[in-house]
């Protein structure tokens, strides 16, 4: 996969979600994977096998990680370790995030 120098939300927003996926792939090097995530009515994701960083582009709400609740807004970065239960709740309809998966 060729990795573009510049990635914009608008570039991926028009691409339909792949079957069975909740996010759109921007690039994957094998060590680092970047996706665009914009949950619709509810965040139904399950724990992942890699660490994650979420970069909030648009929207606000609450990020739940295990038993911790954290309010978030555009410009925030949120972390979830591999295997940790996490999700976005009580979020605005425009919620859009870059999610970076990394690690083994």
Protein backbone atom coordinates (compact mmCIF):
# COMPACT_ATOMS: atom_id res chain seq x y z
CA UNK A 1 0.00 0.00 0.00
CA UNK A 2 1.31 3.44 -0.91
CA UNK A 3 1.20 5.81 2.04
CA UNK A 4 0.17 9.29 1.05
CA UNK A 5 2.03 12.24 2.49
CA UNK A 6 -1.18 13.98 3.48
CA UNK A 7 -4.34 12.34 4.78
CA UNK A 8 -7.56 14.26 5.28
CA UNK A 9 -10.83 13.22 6.88
CA UNK A 10 -12.61 14.33 3.72
CA UNK A 11 -10.55 11.87 1.64
CA UNK A 12 -11.84 8.90 3.62
CA UNK A 13 -15.30 10.22 4.50
CA UNK A 14 -16.65 9.47 1.03
CA UNK A 15 -15.42 5.85 1.02
CA UNK A 16 -18.02 3.32 2.21
CA UNK A 17 -17.24 1.22 5.26
CA UNK A 18 -15.85 -2.19 4.36
CA UNK A 19 -18.14 -5.10 5.23
CA UNK A 20 -17.81 -6.08 8.87
CA UNK A 21 -15.67 -3.04 9.80
CA UNK A 22 -16.47 -0.02 11.98
CA UNK A 23 -13.61 2.12 10.62
CA UNK A 24 -11.96 2.99 7.32
CA UNK A 25 -8.32 2.09 6.67
CA UNK A 26 -6.04 5.04 5.88
CA UNK A 27 -2.80 3.01 5.90
CA UNK A 28 -1.16 -0.04 7.43
CA UNK A 29 2.60 -0.58 7.57
CA UNK A 30 2.37 -3.79 9.56
CA UNK A 31 3.66 -2.00 12.65
CA UNK A 32 1.33 1.00 12.58
CA UNK A 33 -2.26 1.10 11.34
CA UNK A 34 -4.25 4.32 10.93
CA UNK A 35 -8.02 4.32 10.58
CA UNK A 36 -10.84 6.86 10.46
CA UNK A 37 -13.57 6.07 12.97
CA UNK A 38 -16.93 7.84 13.06
CA UNK A 39 -19.45 5.78 15.04
CA UNK A 40 -23.08 6.37 14.10
CA UNK A 41 -25.61 5.95 16.89
CA UNK A 42 -23.59 3.72 19.23
CA UNK A 43 -19.99 2.59 19.63
CA UNK A 44 -20.09 -1.20 19.49
CA UNK A 45 -16.36 -1.91 19.32
CA UNK A 46 -14.72 -4.68 21.31
CA UNK A 47 -11.22 -4.69 22.88
CA UNK A 48 -8.39 -4.86 20.36
CA UNK A 49 -5.13 -6.79 20.43
CA UNK A 50 -2.96 -3.68 19.95
CA UNK A 51 -2.54 -0.40 21.84
CA UNK A 52 -4.58 2.48 20.45
CA UNK A 53 -4.41 6.26 20.32
CA UNK A 54 -7.56 8.17 19.36
CA UNK A 55 -7.16 11.69 17.98
CA UNK A 56 -10.44 13.59 18.25
CA UNK A 57 -11.09 15.58 15.06
CA UNK A 58 -14.75 16.51 15.53
CA UNK A 59 -17.30 16.01 18.27
CA UNK A 60 -17.39 15.58 22.00
CA UNK A 61 -18.63 13.11 24.56
CA UNK A 62 -17.35 10.63 27.10
CA UNK A 63 -14.66 7.98 26.62
CA UNK A 64 -15.03 4.96 28.88
CA UNK A 65 -11.90 2.87 29.46
CA UNK A 66 -12.39 -0.01 31.88
CA UNK A 67 -13.95 1.82 34.91
CA UNK A 68 -12.67 5.31 34.01
CA UNK A 69 -14.86 7.96 32.32
CA UNK A 70 -13.19 10.91 30.58
CA UNK A 71 -14.85 13.85 28.83
CA UNK A 72 -13.29 14.66 25.43
CA UNK A 73 -13.42 17.37 22.76
CA UNK A 74 -11.64 18.17 19.46
CA UNK A 75 -7.86 18.19 19.79
CA UNK A 76 -7.80 15.61 22.59
CA UNK A 77 -5.83 12.36 22.38
CA UNK A 78 -7.18 9.28 24.18
CA UNK A 79 -5.36 6.02 24.95
CA UNK A 80 -6.57 2.42 25.31
CA UNK A 81 -4.13 -0.42 25.98
CA UNK A 82 -4.39 -3.72 24.14
CA UNK A 83 -7.17 -5.83 25.60
CA UNK A 84 -8.81 -3.02 27.60
CA UNK A 85 -12.57 -2.63 27.29
CA UNK A 86 -13.29 0.87 25.96
CA UNK A 87 -15.94 2.81 24.05
CA UNK A 88 -17.35 6.23 23.29
CA UNK A 89 -20.66 7.11 24.96
CA UNK A 90 -22.95 10.13 25.08
CA UNK A 91 -21.17 11.55 22.03
CA UNK A 92 -22.24 14.17 19.51
CA UNK A 93 -23.48 13.10 16.09
CA UNK A 94 -20.39 14.54 14.37
CA UNK A 95 -17.87 12.42 16.30
CA UNK A 96 -14.88 11.73 14.03
CA UNK A 97 -11.56 10.28 15.19
CA UNK A 98 -8.29 9.11 13.79
CA UNK A 99 -7.34 5.86 15.52
CA UNK A 100 -3.75 4.69 15.50
CA UNK A 101 -3.08 1.03 16.31
CA UNK A 102 0.50 0.11 17.19
CA UNK A 103 2.58 -2.55 18.87
CA UNK A 104 2.77 -6.28 18.48
